[in-house]
PDB file of N, CA and C in Angstrom:
ATOM      1  N   UNK A   1       0.841  -1.203   0.000  1.00  0.00           N
ATOM      2  CA  UNK A   1       0.000   0.000   0.000  1.00  0.00           C
ATOM      3  C   UNK A   1       0.877   1.254   0.000  1.00  0.00           C
ATOM      4  N   UNK A   2       0.405   2.269  -0.653  1.00  0.00           N
ATOM      5  CA  UNK A   2       1.149   3.534  -0.767  1.00  0.00           C
ATOM      6  C   UNK A   2       1.217   4.245   0.587  1.00  0.00           C
ATOM      7  N   UNK A   3       2.350   4.854   0.879  1.00  0.00           N
ATOM      8  CA  UNK A   3       2.534   5.553   2.151  1.00  0.00           C
ATOM      9  C   UNK A   3       1.586   6.754   2.260  1.00  0.00           C
ATOM     10  N   UNK A   4       1.034   7.001   3.447  1.00  0.00           N
ATOM     11  CA  UNK A   4       0.074   8.090   3.631  1.00  0.00           C
ATOM     12  C   UNK A   4       0.586   9.451   3.162  1.00  0.00           C
ATOM     13  N   UNK A   5       1.875   9.741   3.402  1.00  0.00           N
ATOM     14  CA  UNK A   5       2.384  11.054   3.006  1.00  0.00           C
ATOM     15  C   UNK A   5       2.408  11.221   1.482  1.00  0.00           C
ATOM     16  N   UNK A   6       2.579  10.106   0.749  1.00  0.00           N
ATOM     17  CA  UNK A   6       2.557  10.180  -0.708  1.00  0.00           C
ATOM     18  C   UNK A   6       1.139  10.413  -1.224  1.00  0.00           C
ATOM     19  N   UNK A   7       0.183   9.765  -0.587  1.00  0.00           N
ATOM     20  CA  UNK A   7      -1.223   9.970  -0.968  1.00  0.00           C
ATOM     21  C   UNK A   7      -1.611  11.424  -0.701  1.00  0.00           C
ATOM     22  N   UNK A   8      -1.232  11.940   0.480  1.00  0.00           N
ATOM     23  CA  UNK A   8      -1.551  13.331   0.829  1.00  0.00           C
ATOM     24  C   UNK A   8      -0.906  14.290  -0.166  1.00  0.00           C
ATOM     25  N   UNK A   9       0.342  14.026  -0.540  1.00  0.00           N
ATOM     26  CA  UNK A   9       1.035  14.882  -1.510  1.00  0.00           C
ATOM     27  C   UNK A   9       0.343  14.832  -2.869  1.00  0.00           C
ATOM     28  N   UNK A  10      -0.118  13.647  -3.272  1.00  0.00           N
ATOM     29  CA  UNK A  10      -0.813  13.517  -4.551  1.00  0.00           C
ATOM     30  C   UNK A  10      -2.123  14.309  -4.535  1.00  0.00           C
ATOM     31  N   UNK A  11      -2.847  14.248  -3.417  1.00  0.00           N
ATOM     32  CA  UNK A  11      -4.105  14.996  -3.297  1.00  0.00           C
ATOM     33  C   UNK A  11      -3.825  16.500  -3.360  1.00  0.00           C
ATOM     34  N   UNK A  12      -2.823  16.956  -2.633  1.00  0.00           N
ATOM     35  CA  UNK A  12      -2.508  18.387  -2.635  1.00  0.00           C
ATOM     36  C   UNK A  12      -2.068  18.846  -4.022  1.00  0.00           C
ATOM     37  N   UNK A  13      -1.311  18.018  -4.736  1.00  0.00           N
ATOM     38  CA  UNK A  13      -0.913  18.341  -6.109  1.00  0.00           C
ATOM     39  C   UNK A  13      -2.136  18.425  -7.014  1.00  0.00           C
ATOM     40  N   UNK A  14      -3.051  17.483  -6.853  1.00  0.00           N
ATOM     41  CA  UNK A  14      -4.263  17.482  -7.671  1.00  0.00           C
ATOM     42  C   UNK A  14      -5.072  18.752  -7.426  1.00  0.00           C
ATOM     43  N   UNK A  15      -5.176  19.161  -6.167  1.00  0.00           N
ATOM     44  CA  UNK A  15      -5.932  20.371  -5.845  1.00  0.00           C
ATOM     45  C   UNK A  15      -5.273  21.607  -6.447  1.00  0.00           C
ATOM     46  N   UNK A  16      -3.943  21.620  -6.491  1.00  0.00           N
ATOM     47  CA  UNK A  16      -3.213  22.755  -7.053  1.00  0.00           C
ATOM     48  C   UNK A  16      -3.296  22.776  -8.578  1.00  0.00           C
ATOM     49  N   UNK A  17      -3.240  21.590  -9.206  1.00  0.00           N
ATOM     50  CA  UNK A  17      -3.125  21.511 -10.658  1.00  0.00           C
ATOM     51  C   UNK A  17      -4.449  21.385 -11.398  1.00  0.00           C
ATOM     52  N   UNK A  18      -5.491  20.900 -10.735  1.00  0.00           N
ATOM     53  CA  UNK A  18      -6.787  20.718 -11.412  1.00  0.00           C
ATOM     54  C   UNK A  18      -7.389  22.089 -11.711  1.00  0.00           C
ATOM     55  N   UNK A  19      -7.798  22.288 -12.948  1.00  0.00           N
ATOM     56  CA  UNK A  19      -8.334  23.597 -13.350  1.00  0.00           C
ATOM     57  C   UNK A  19      -9.635  23.956 -12.625  1.00  0.00           C
ATOM     58  N   UNK A  20     -10.298  22.972 -12.042  1.00  0.00           N
ATOM     59  CA  UNK A  20     -11.529  23.264 -11.297  1.00  0.00           C
ATOM     60  C   UNK A  20     -11.241  23.886  -9.939  1.00  0.00           C
ATOM     61  N   UNK A  21     -10.040  23.624  -9.407  1.00  0.00           N
ATOM     62  CA  UNK A  21      -9.752  24.096  -8.053  1.00  0.00           C
ATOM     63  C   UNK A  21      -8.577  25.061  -7.974  1.00  0.00           C
ATOM     64  N   UNK A  22      -7.459  24.736  -8.604  1.00  0.00           N
ATOM     65  CA  UNK A  22      -6.211  25.510  -8.482  1.00  0.00           C
ATOM     66  C   UNK A  22      -6.033  26.047  -7.062  1.00  0.00           C
ATOM     67  N   UNK A  23      -6.092  25.134  -6.114  1.00  0.00           N
ATOM     68  CA  UNK A  23      -6.100  25.489  -4.686  1.00  0.00           C
ATOM     69  C   UNK A  23      -4.789  25.095  -4.027  1.00  0.00           C
ATOM     70  N   UNK A  24      -4.132  26.061  -3.376  1.00  0.00           N
ATOM     71  CA  UNK A  24      -2.864  25.800  -2.701  1.00  0.00           C
ATOM     72  C   UNK A  24      -2.995  25.781  -1.185  1.00  0.00           C
ATOM     73  N   UNK A  25      -4.096  26.307  -0.660  1.00  0.00           N
ATOM     74  CA  UNK A  25      -4.205  26.498   0.779  1.00  0.00           C
ATOM     75  C   UNK A  25      -4.909  25.393   1.551  1.00  0.00           C
ATOM     76  N   UNK A  26      -5.080  24.225   0.953  1.00  0.00           N
ATOM     77  CA  UNK A  26      -5.770  23.132   1.641  1.00  0.00           C
ATOM     78  C   UNK A  26      -4.752  22.072   2.038  1.00  0.00           C
ATOM     79  N   UNK A  27      -4.843  21.612   3.280  1.00  0.00           N
ATOM     80  CA  UNK A  27      -3.950  20.568   3.773  1.00  0.00           C
ATOM     81  C   UNK A  27      -4.681  19.227   3.736  1.00  0.00           C
ATOM     82  N   UNK A  28      -3.998  18.229   3.241  1.00  0.00           N
ATOM     83  CA  UNK A  28      -4.550  16.869   3.198  1.00  0.00           C
ATOM     84  C   UNK A  28      -3.759  15.992   4.159  1.00  0.00           C
ATOM     85  N   UNK A  29      -4.469  15.258   5.007  1.00  0.00           N
ATOM     86  CA  UNK A  29      -3.845  14.307   5.925  1.00  0.00           C
ATOM     87  C   UNK A  29      -4.499  12.945   5.710  1.00  0.00           C
ATOM     88  N   UNK A  30      -3.693  11.903   5.661  1.00  0.00           N
ATOM     89  CA  UNK A  30      -4.205  10.550   5.464  1.00  0.00           C
ATOM     90  C   UNK A  30      -3.895   9.732   6.709  1.00  0.00           C
ATOM     91  N   UNK A  31      -4.938   9.086   7.231  1.00  0.00           N
ATOM     92  CA  UNK A  31      -4.786   8.162   8.357  1.00  0.00           C
ATOM     93  C   UNK A  31      -5.570   6.898   8.006  1.00  0.00           C
ATOM     94  N   UNK A  32      -4.830   5.843   7.728  1.00  0.00           N
ATOM     95  CA  UNK A  32      -5.484   4.598   7.302  1.00  0.00           C
ATOM     96  C   UNK A  32      -6.201   4.817   5.984  1.00  0.00           C
ATOM     97  N   UNK A  33      -7.510   4.525   5.974  1.00  0.00           N
ATOM     98  CA  UNK A  33      -8.292   4.731   4.753  1.00  0.00           C
ATOM     99  C   UNK A  33      -9.106   6.028   4.830  1.00  0.00           C
ATOM    100  N   UNK A  34      -8.667   6.942   5.675  1.00  0.00           N
ATOM    101  CA  UNK A  34      -9.383   8.207   5.881  1.00  0.00           C
ATOM    102  C   UNK A  34      -8.544   9.364   5.349  1.00  0.00           C
ATOM    103  N   UNK A  35      -9.180  10.260   4.590  1.00  0.00           N
ATOM    104  CA  UNK A  35      -8.529  11.457   4.057  1.00  0.00           C
ATOM    105  C   UNK A  35      -9.195  12.676   4.690  1.00  0.00           C
ATOM    106  N   UNK A  36      -8.408  13.485   5.375  1.00  0.00           N
ATOM    107  CA  UNK A  36      -8.921  14.689   6.039  1.00  0.00           C
ATOM    108  C   UNK A  36      -8.459  15.911   5.271  1.00  0.00           C
ATOM    109  N   UNK A  37      -9.404  16.772   4.927  1.00  0.00           N
ATOM    110  CA  UNK A  37      -9.098  18.022   4.237  1.00  0.00           C
ATOM    111  C   UNK A  37      -9.327  19.171   5.198  1.00  0.00           C
ATOM    112  N   UNK A  38      -8.330  20.049   5.330  1.00  0.00           N
ATOM    113  CA  UNK A  38      -8.449  21.185   6.245  1.00  0.00           C
ATOM    114  C   UNK A  38      -7.946  22.446   5.561  1.00  0.00           C
ATOM    115  N   UNK A  39      -8.563  23.557   5.908  1.00  0.00           N
ATOM    116  CA  UNK A  39      -8.180  24.849   5.352  1.00  0.00           C
ATOM    117  C   UNK A  39      -9.385  25.759   5.330  1.00  0.00           C
ATOM    118  N   UNK A  40      -9.284  26.822   4.555  1.00  0.00           N
ATOM    119  CA  UNK A  40     -10.378  27.790   4.467  1.00  0.00           C
ATOM    120  C   UNK A  40     -10.620  28.172   3.014  1.00  0.00           C
ATOM    121  N   UNK A  41     -11.890  28.317   2.675  1.00  0.00           N
ATOM    122  CA  UNK A  41     -12.301  28.796   1.357  1.00  0.00           C
ATOM    123  C   UNK A  41     -13.403  29.830   1.555  1.00  0.00           C
ATOM    124  N   UNK A  42     -13.763  30.526   0.482  1.00  0.00           N
ATOM    125  CA  UNK A  42     -14.744  31.606   0.602  1.00  0.00           C
ATOM    126  C   UNK A  42     -16.151  31.224   0.164  1.00  0.00           C
ATOM    127  N   UNK A  43     -16.359  29.981  -0.312  1.00  0.00           N
ATOM    128  CA  UNK A  43     -17.700  29.587  -0.752  1.00  0.00           C
ATOM    129  C   UNK A  43     -17.926  28.091  -0.535  1.00  0.00           C
ATOM    130  N   UNK A  44     -19.149  27.733  -0.162  1.00  0.00           N
ATOM    131  CA  UNK A  44     -19.495  26.331   0.062  1.00  0.00           C
ATOM    132  C   UNK A  44     -19.329  25.507  -1.216  1.00  0.00           C
ATOM    133  N   UNK A  45     -19.632  26.109  -2.370  1.00  0.00           N
ATOM    134  CA  UNK A  45     -19.488  25.384  -3.640  1.00  0.00           C
ATOM    135  C   UNK A  45     -18.029  24.997  -3.860  1.00  0.00           C
ATOM    136  N   UNK A  46     -17.131  25.904  -3.525  1.00  0.00           N
ATOM    137  CA  UNK A  46     -15.693  25.635  -3.683  1.00  0.00           C
ATOM    138  C   UNK A  46     -15.263  24.503  -2.734  1.00  0.00           C
ATOM    139  N   UNK A  47     -15.785  24.530  -1.533  1.00  0.00           N
ATOM    140  CA  UNK A  47     -15.500  23.488  -0.537  1.00  0.00           C
ATOM    141  C   UNK A  47     -15.903  22.124  -1.089  1.00  0.00           C
ATOM    142  N   UNK A  48     -17.084  22.040  -1.688  1.00  0.00           N
ATOM    143  CA  UNK A  48     -17.583  20.779  -2.234  1.00  0.00           C
ATOM    144  C   UNK A  48     -16.744  20.315  -3.425  1.00  0.00           C
ATOM    145  N   UNK A  49     -16.345  21.261  -4.270  1.00  0.00           N
ATOM    146  CA  UNK A  49     -15.548  20.933  -5.450  1.00  0.00           C
ATOM    147  C   UNK A  49     -14.172  20.404  -5.046  1.00  0.00           C
ATOM    148  N   UNK A  50     -13.581  20.984  -4.021  1.00  0.00           N
ATOM    149  CA  UNK A  50     -12.286  20.522  -3.519  1.00  0.00           C
ATOM    150  C   UNK A  50     -12.395  19.079  -3.024  1.00  0.00           C
ATOM    151  N   UNK A  51     -13.473  18.768  -2.306  1.00  0.00           N
ATOM    152  CA  UNK A  51     -13.677  17.403  -1.824  1.00  0.00           C
ATOM    153  C   UNK A  51     -13.833  16.433  -2.994  1.00  0.00           C
ATOM    154  N   UNK A  52     -14.503  16.875  -4.046  1.00  0.00           N
ATOM    155  CA  UNK A  52     -14.696  16.029  -5.229  1.00  0.00           C
ATOM    156  C   UNK A  52     -13.354  15.720  -5.902  1.00  0.00           C
ATOM    157  N   UNK A  53     -12.542  16.748  -6.113  1.00  0.00           N
ATOM    158  CA  UNK A  53     -11.234  16.558  -6.750  1.00  0.00           C
ATOM    159  C   UNK A  53     -10.336  15.684  -5.868  1.00  0.00           C
ATOM    160  N   UNK A  54     -10.359  15.911  -4.558  1.00  0.00           N
ATOM    161  CA  UNK A  54      -9.546  15.113  -3.637  1.00  0.00           C
ATOM    162  C   UNK A  54      -9.969  13.648  -3.684  1.00  0.00           C
ATOM    163  N   UNK A  55     -11.271  13.390  -3.745  1.00  0.00           N
ATOM    164  CA  UNK A  55     -11.766  12.020  -3.830  1.00  0.00           C
ATOM    165  C   UNK A  55     -11.332  11.322  -5.103  1.00  0.00           C
ATOM    166  N   UNK A  56     -11.273  12.071  -6.200  1.00  0.00           N
ATOM    167  CA  UNK A  56     -10.804  11.509  -7.467  1.00  0.00           C
ATOM    168  C   UNK A  56      -9.310  11.181  -7.401  1.00  0.00           C
ATOM    169  N   UNK A  57      -8.547  12.000  -6.664  1.00  0.00           N
ATOM    170  CA  UNK A  57      -7.096  11.795  -6.563  1.00  0.00           C
ATOM    171  C   UNK A  57      -6.746  10.646  -5.615  1.00  0.00           C
ATOM    172  N   UNK A  58      -7.672  10.316  -4.716  1.00  0.00           N
ATOM    173  CA  UNK A  58      -7.421   9.248  -3.739  1.00  0.00           C
ATOM    174  C   UNK A  58      -8.631   8.320  -3.671  1.00  0.00           C
ATOM    175  N   UNK A  59      -8.886   7.594  -4.768  1.00  0.00           N
ATOM    176  CA  UNK A  59     -10.047   6.698  -4.764  1.00  0.00           C
ATOM    177  C   UNK A  59      -9.899   5.625  -3.696  1.00  0.00           C
ATOM    178  N   UNK A  60     -11.011   5.284  -3.091  1.00  0.00           N
ATOM    179  CA  UNK A  60     -10.994   4.254  -2.063  1.00  0.00           C
ATOM    180  C   UNK A  60     -10.848   4.800  -0.655  1.00  0.00           C
ATOM    181  N   UNK A  61     -10.500   6.079  -0.529  1.00  0.00           N
ATOM    182  CA  UNK A  61     -10.398   6.673   0.803  1.00  0.00           C
ATOM    183  C   UNK A  61     -11.698   7.375   1.160  1.00  0.00           C
ATOM    184  N   UNK A  62     -12.025   7.400   2.434  1.00  0.00           N
ATOM    185  CA  UNK A  62     -13.192   8.129   2.924  1.00  0.00           C
ATOM    186  C   UNK A  62     -12.761   9.571   3.151  1.00  0.00           C
ATOM    187  N   UNK A  63     -13.413  10.514   2.458  1.00  0.00           N
ATOM    188  CA  UNK A  63     -13.035  11.928   2.542  1.00  0.00           C
ATOM    189  C   UNK A  63     -13.805  12.601   3.672  1.00  0.00           C
ATOM    190  N   UNK A  64     -13.062  13.228   4.577  1.00  0.00           N
ATOM    191  CA  UNK A  64     -13.646  14.037   5.652  1.00  0.00           C
ATOM    192  C   UNK A  64     -13.346  15.493   5.317  1.00  0.00           C
ATOM    193  N   UNK A  65     -14.374  16.208   4.895  1.00  0.00           N
ATOM    194  CA  UNK A  65     -14.189  17.589   4.466  1.00  0.00           C
ATOM    195  C   UNK A  65     -14.337  18.508   5.677  1.00  0.00           C
ATOM    196  N   UNK A  66     -13.210  18.903   6.248  1.00  0.00           N
ATOM    197  CA  UNK A  66     -13.210  19.771   7.421  1.00  0.00           C
ATOM    198  C   UNK A  66     -12.809  21.202   7.043  1.00  0.00           C
ATOM    199  N   UNK A  67     -13.015  21.537   5.782  1.00  0.00           N
ATOM    200  CA  UNK A  67     -12.670  22.868   5.283  1.00  0.00           C
ATOM    201  C   UNK A  67     -13.710  23.867   5.782  1.00  0.00           C
ATOM    202  N   UNK A  68     -13.228  24.981   6.314  1.00  0.00           N
ATOM    203  CA  UNK A  68     -14.121  26.041   6.791  1.00  0.00           C
ATOM    204  C   UNK A  68     -14.437  27.012   5.666  1.00  0.00           C
ATOM    205  N   UNK A  69     -15.696  27.438   5.627  1.00  0.00           N
ATOM    206  CA  UNK A  69     -16.099  28.486   4.687  1.00  0.00           C
ATOM    207  C   UNK A  69     -16.078  29.799   5.462  1.00  0.00           C
ATOM    208  N   UNK A  70     -15.248  30.731   5.019  1.00  0.00           N
ATOM    209  CA  UNK A  70     -15.135  32.016   5.697  1.00  0.00           C
ATOM    210  C   UNK A  70     -15.798  33.091   4.856  1.00  0.00           C
ATOM    211  N   UNK A  71     -16.398  34.024   5.528  1.00  0.00           N
ATOM    212  CA  UNK A  71     -17.092  35.124   4.867  1.00  0.00           C
ATOM    213  C   UNK A  71     -16.104  36.270   4.682  1.00  0.00           C
ATOM    214  N   UNK A  72     -15.738  36.512   3.440  1.00  0.00           N
ATOM    215  CA  UNK A  72     -14.810  37.598   3.152  1.00  0.00           C
ATOM    216  C   UNK A  72     -15.612  38.733   2.532  1.00  0.00           C
ATOM    217  N   UNK A  73     -15.645  39.832   3.221  1.00  0.00           N
ATOM    218  CA  UNK A  73     -16.393  40.998   2.726  1.00  0.00           C
ATOM    219  C   UNK A  73     -15.442  42.154   2.484  1.00  0.00           C
ATOM    220  N   UNK A  74     -15.956  43.079   1.717  1.00  0.00           N
ATOM    221  CA  UNK A  74     -15.194  44.312   1.534  1.00  0.00           C
ATOM    222  C   UNK A  74     -15.068  45.007   2.868  1.00  0.00           C
ATOM    223  N   UNK A  75     -13.957  45.691   3.091  1.00  0.00           N
ATOM    224  CA  UNK A  75     -13.827  46.404   4.365  1.00  0.00           C
ATOM    225  C   UNK A  75     -14.949  47.420   4.538  1.00  0.00           C
ATOM    226  N   UNK A  76     -15.437  47.497   5.772  1.00  0.00           N
ATOM    227  CA  UNK A  76     -16.503  48.459   6.064  1.00  0.00           C
ATOM    228  C   UNK A  76     -15.936  49.845   6.294  1.00  0.00           C
ATOM    229  N   UNK A  77     -16.695  50.647   7.003  1.00  0.00           N
ATOM    230  CA  UNK A  77     -16.222  51.985   7.325  1.00  0.00           C
ATOM    231  C   UNK A  77     -14.989  51.918   8.208  1.00  0.00           C
ATOM    232  N   UNK A  78     -14.204  52.940   8.127  1.00  0.00           N
ATOM    233  CA  UNK A  78     -13.006  52.990   8.968  1.00  0.00           C
ATOM    234  C   UNK A  78     -13.400  53.010  10.415  1.00  0.00           C
ATOM    235  N   UNK A  79     -12.713  52.186  11.187  1.00  0.00           N
ATOM    236  CA  UNK A  79     -13.029  52.092  12.601  1.00  0.00           C
ATOM    237  C   UNK A  79     -12.310  53.216  13.357  1.00  0.00           C
ATOM    238  N   UNK A  80     -13.054  53.916  14.170  1.00  0.00           N
ATOM    239  CA  UNK A  80     -12.475  54.995  14.976  1.00  0.00           C
ATOM    240  C   UNK A  80     -12.056  54.433  16.332  1.00  0.00           C
ATOM    241  N   UNK A  81     -10.848  54.670  16.707  1.00  0.00           N
ATOM    242  CA  UNK A  81     -10.348  54.180  17.985  1.00  0.00           C
ATOM    243  C   UNK A  81     -10.298  55.287  19.012  1.00  0.00           C
TER     244      UNK A  81
END
């Protein structure tokens, strides 16, 4: 069986190179037959797409999508201190 760090590296490469994601900020960890994805994205759709690409890169593993969706807004009014 392939070493977990190689599987994780392959998933991270796939996320970076796949035109659907081109994502560099997601960490992949493999433990047994479990793949954990961690990081932050700005939309739920992007989170789902990353899990899809990761699953394709590591078939047979159970994907745990622990990616947080963060709300990035334009800066508001200047804060007075």
